Amino acid sequence: MIDLYTWGTPNGRKVSIMLEALRLPYRVHPVDILANEQFDAKFSSISPNNKIPALTDSEGPNEETVSLFESGAILVYLAERYGEFIPSDPLKRLDCLQWLMWQMGGFGPFLGQAHHFNKFSNEKVPYAQKRYNDESKRLWGVLDSQLADKQFIVGEELSIADFAIYPWAMRYEWQLIELEQFPHAHAWIKRMGHIEFVQRGMQIP
């Protein structure tokens, strides 16, 4: 049985979308990060970085229980274990992984900073807002260019790269992004939003 420890954030929704796409039974354990539940000892034993999401699988490699933190690692584990949503062709697989890492290293962290300074900071910090909003727009431009001739991030097939990027893209208003400026990414968002398992994953927990 898979146990998912998560909250309603883009990083958490990456994994719930993946689990819904794989049609797997799993248990959801909400971790209220607004109440600092991520620092509870039990959760810390699974996620030593005290971040959601985290996952345990009682039927992991060698029939042993495995626990994982970091959403990208979880996506790769599930994709490789079940042989879905990651290309089998070596070059296409690398393409998928590089876009996953692009999200992990840029599209998530910089957009997250934009969220903080635009929406949550108790004081206005114009320098920080400009820095992170400008970089958010640049990253959206990268995404838009990638999707100019593709249905999905790495081609005509859905992959874990789509699952990683989409929940962050869906908070475009927090990033002061006008979707009309990025028509290819906008069209991709609409395609993703019509997929039922994506809709389900976006509602968890």
Protein backbone atom coordinates (compact mmCIF):
# COMPACT_ATOMS: atom_id res chain seq x y z
CA MET A 1 0.00 0.00 0.00
CA ILE A 2 1.16 3.50 -0.81
CA ASP A 3 0.78 6.26 1.77
CA LEU A 4 0.97 9.86 0.57
CA TYR A 5 1.76 12.64 3.00
CA THR A 6 0.76 15.90 1.39
CA TRP A 7 -0.93 19.27 1.47
CA GLY A 8 -2.69 21.42 -1.14
CA THR A 9 0.45 22.91 -2.70
CA PRO A 10 1.88 22.59 -6.22
CA ASN A 11 4.57 20.19 -5.02
CA GLY A 12 2.04 17.98 -3.29
CA ARG A 13 -0.28 17.93 -6.28
CA LYS A 14 2.46 16.71 -8.61
CA VAL A 15 2.41 13.38 -6.81
CA SER A 16 -1.35 13.07 -6.36
CA ILE A 17 -1.78 13.66 -10.11
CA MET A 18 0.74 10.89 -10.77
CA LEU A 19 -0.98 8.46 -8.41
CA GLU A 20 -4.34 9.18 -9.98
CA ALA A 21 -2.83 8.72 -13.45
CA LEU A 22 -1.44 5.33 -12.45
CA ARG A 23 -4.84 4.27 -11.04
CA LEU A 24 -3.19 3.11 -7.84
CA PRO A 25 -4.88 2.66 -4.48
CA TYR A 26 -3.28 4.93 -1.89
CA ARG A 27 -3.99 6.52 1.45
CA VAL A 28 -3.80 10.27 1.91
CA HIS A 29 -2.37 11.77 5.08
CA PRO A 30 -2.86 15.55 5.16
CA VAL A 31 0.09 17.40 6.66
CA ASP A 32 -1.10 20.88 7.59
CA ILE A 33 1.93 23.03 6.89
CA LEU A 34 0.06 26.09 8.16
CA ALA A 35 -0.06 24.40 11.57
CA ASN A 36 3.61 23.29 11.32
CA GLU A 37 2.66 19.60 11.22
CA GLN A 38 5.60 19.03 8.89
CA PHE A 39 7.85 19.29 11.95
CA ASP A 40 6.17 16.43 13.80
CA ALA A 41 8.60 13.65 14.66
CA LYS A 42 6.71 10.98 12.69
CA PHE A 43 6.71 13.05 9.53
CA SER A 44 10.35 14.07 10.03
CA SER A 45 11.32 10.39 10.02
CA ILE A 46 9.91 10.13 6.49
CA SER A 47 10.85 13.59 5.25
CA PRO A 48 14.02 14.78 7.04
CA ASN A 49 13.82 18.10 5.17
CA ASN A 50 10.37 18.69 6.73
CA LYS A 51 8.72 19.38 3.38
CA ILE A 52 5.72 17.80 1.71
CA PRO A 53 5.12 15.63 -0.19
CA ALA A 54 6.50 12.38 1.12
CA LEU A 55 5.55 8.83 0.26
CA THR A 56 5.91 5.36 1.70
CA ASP A 57 5.41 2.17 -0.26
CA SER A 58 5.07 -1.03 1.74
CA GLU A 59 5.82 -3.08 -1.38
CA GLY A 60 8.96 -1.32 -2.56
CA PRO A 61 12.15 -2.76 -4.08
CA ASN A 62 13.11 -6.20 -2.76
CA GLU A 63 9.65 -6.33 -1.16
CA GLU A 64 10.78 -3.86 1.47
CA THR A 65 9.09 -0.68 2.63
CA VAL A 66 10.55 2.40 0.98
CA SER A 67 10.05 5.98 2.06
CA LEU A 68 10.79 8.95 -0.17
CA PHE A 69 10.78 12.69 0.10
CA GLU A 70 11.26 15.31 -2.66
CA SER A 71 8.52 15.35 -5.28
CA GLY A 72 10.86 14.82 -8.23
CA ALA A 73 12.36 11.70 -6.70
CA ILE A 74 8.87 10.37 -5.97
CA LEU A 75 7.76 10.96 -9.57
CA VAL A 76 10.80 9.18 -10.98
CA TYR A 77 10.33 6.26 -8.58
CA LEU A 78 6.68 5.78 -9.52
CA ALA A 79 7.32 6.22 -13.24
CA GLU A 80 10.14 3.68 -13.26
CA ARG A 81 8.38 1.21 -11.01
CA TYR A 82 5.19 1.12 -13.08
CA GLY A 83 6.72 1.85 -16.47
CA GLU A 84 4.42 4.76 -17.28
CA PHE A 85 4.78 8.47 -17.96
CA ILE A 86 8.51 8.32 -18.58
CA PRO A 87 9.82 7.53 -22.10
CA SER A 88 11.58 4.21 -22.64
CA ASP A 89 13.75 5.63 -25.40
CA PRO A 90 17.01 6.80 -23.74
CA LEU A 91 17.16 10.18 -25.47
CA LYS A 92 13.50 10.94 -24.86
CA ARG A 93 13.92 9.84 -21.25
CA LEU A 94 16.74 12.34 -20.82
CA ASP A 95 14.55 15.04 -22.34
CA CYS A 96 11.82 14.23 -19.85
CA LEU A 97 14.23 14.28 -16.92
CA GLN A 98 15.82 17.57 -17.92
CA TRP A 99 12.42 19.27 -17.98
CA LEU A 100 11.58 17.71 -14.64
CA MET A 101 14.83 19.16 -13.28
CA TRP A 102 14.02 22.50 -14.90
CA GLN A 103 10.85 22.58 -12.86
CA MET A 104 12.60 21.47 -9.69
CA GLY A 105 15.45 23.93 -10.04
CA GLY A 106 13.74 26.96 -11.57
CA PHE A 107 10.04 26.97 -12.37
CA GLY A 108 9.11 25.89 -8.86
CA PRO A 109 11.56 27.77 -6.63
CA PHE A 110 11.40 31.12 -8.43
CA LEU A 111 7.65 31.05 -8.82
CA GLY A 112 7.40 30.10 -5.17
CA GLN A 113 9.38 33.19 -4.23
CA ALA A 114 7.07 35.28 -6.40
CA HIS A 115 4.13 33.78 -4.49
CA HIS A 116 5.73 34.74 -1.19
CA PHE A 117 6.53 38.35 -2.01
CA ASN A 118 3.36 39.00 -4.01
CA LYS A 119 0.86 37.33 -1.70
CA PHE A 120 2.20 36.41 1.73
CA SER A 121 4.92 38.85 2.79
CA ASN A 122 3.83 41.20 5.57
CA GLU A 123 5.86 43.99 4.02
CA LYS A 124 6.27 45.10 0.44
CA VAL A 125 9.77 44.52 -0.89
CA PRO A 126 9.85 46.08 -4.37
CA TYR A 127 13.31 44.76 -5.25
CA ALA A 128 12.34 41.18 -4.39
CA GLN A 129 9.00 41.46 -6.17
CA LYS A 130 10.65 42.74 -9.33
CA ARG A 131 13.39 40.12 -9.22
CA TYR A 132 11.07 37.15 -8.82
CA ASN A 133 8.27 38.45 -11.05
CA ASP A 134 10.74 39.16 -13.84
CA GLU A 135 12.26 35.70 -13.54
CA SER A 136 8.81 34.13 -13.44
CA LYS A 137 7.97 35.80 -16.73
CA ARG A 138 11.24 34.64 -18.25
CA LEU A 139 10.56 31.06 -17.17
CA TRP A 140 7.04 31.24 -18.57
CA GLY A 141 8.62 32.31 -21.85
CA VAL A 142 10.84 29.23 -21.78
CA LEU A 143 7.78 27.05 -21.18
CA ASP A 144 5.84 28.76 -23.94
CA SER A 145 8.66 28.21 -26.44
CA GLN A 146 8.94 24.54 -25.50
CA LEU A 147 5.23 24.04 -26.15
CA ALA A 148 5.15 25.93 -29.45
CA ASP A 149 5.13 22.72 -31.50
CA LYS A 150 4.19 20.10 -28.90
CA GLN A 151 1.01 18.85 -27.26
CA PHE A 152 2.83 18.15 -24.01
CA ILE A 153 6.16 19.09 -22.48
CA VAL A 154 8.30 16.49 -24.23
CA GLY A 155 6.15 15.66 -27.23
CA GLU A 156 2.85 14.00 -27.96
CA GLU A 157 2.71 11.87 -24.80
CA LEU A 158 2.07 12.90 -21.23
CA SER A 159 5.00 12.53 -18.85
CA ILE A 160 6.05 13.27 -15.30
CA ALA A 161 7.39 16.58 -16.64
CA ASP A 162 3.80 17.68 -17.32
CA PHE A 163 2.68 16.52 -13.89
CA ALA A 164 5.49 18.49 -12.22
CA ILE A 165 4.99 21.75 -14.11
CA TYR A 166 1.20 21.98 -14.31
CA PRO A 167 0.36 22.62 -10.62
CA TRP A 168 2.84 25.48 -10.53
CA ALA A 169 1.48 26.93 -13.75
CA MET A 170 -2.01 26.87 -12.27
CA ARG A 171 -1.00 29.52 -9.75
CA TYR A 172 -0.24 31.98 -12.53
CA GLU A 173 -2.28 34.73 -10.85
CA TRP A 174 0.03 34.64 -7.82
CA GLN A 175 2.92 35.21 -10.24
CA LEU A 176 1.17 38.17 -11.94
CA ILE A 177 1.20 36.23 -15.19
CA GLU A 178 -1.24 37.08 -17.98
CA LEU A 179 -1.86 33.84 -19.84
CA GLU A 180 -2.66 35.64 -23.09
CA GLN A 181 1.02 36.56 -23.33
CA PHE A 182 1.95 32.86 -23.43
CA PRO A 183 -0.50 31.28 -25.89
CA HIS A 184 1.22 27.89 -26.25
CA ALA A 185 1.46 27.40 -22.50
CA HIS A 186 -2.12 28.61 -22.15
CA ALA A 187 -3.34 26.01 -24.64
CA TRP A 188 -1.37 23.31 -22.79
CA ILE A 189 -2.97 24.33 -19.49
CA LYS A 190 -6.39 23.91 -21.07
CA ARG A 191 -5.46 20.45 -22.42
CA MET A 192 -4.19 19.36 -19.02
CA GLY A 193 -7.24 20.72 -17.25
CA HIS A 194 -9.57 18.54 -19.32
CA ILE A 195 -7.89 15.30 -18.17
CA GLU A 196 -9.96 13.65 -15.46
CA PHE A 197 -7.10 12.22 -13.41
CA VAL A 198 -5.44 15.63 -13.42
CA GLN A 199 -8.66 17.14 -12.10
CA ARG A 200 -8.81 14.51 -9.35
CA GLY A 201 -5.16 14.92 -8.39
CA MET A 202 -5.55 18.67 -8.09
CA GLN A 203 -8.22 18.20 -5.40
CA ILE A 204 -6.04 16.19 -2.99
CA PRO A 205 -6.07 16.47 -0.04
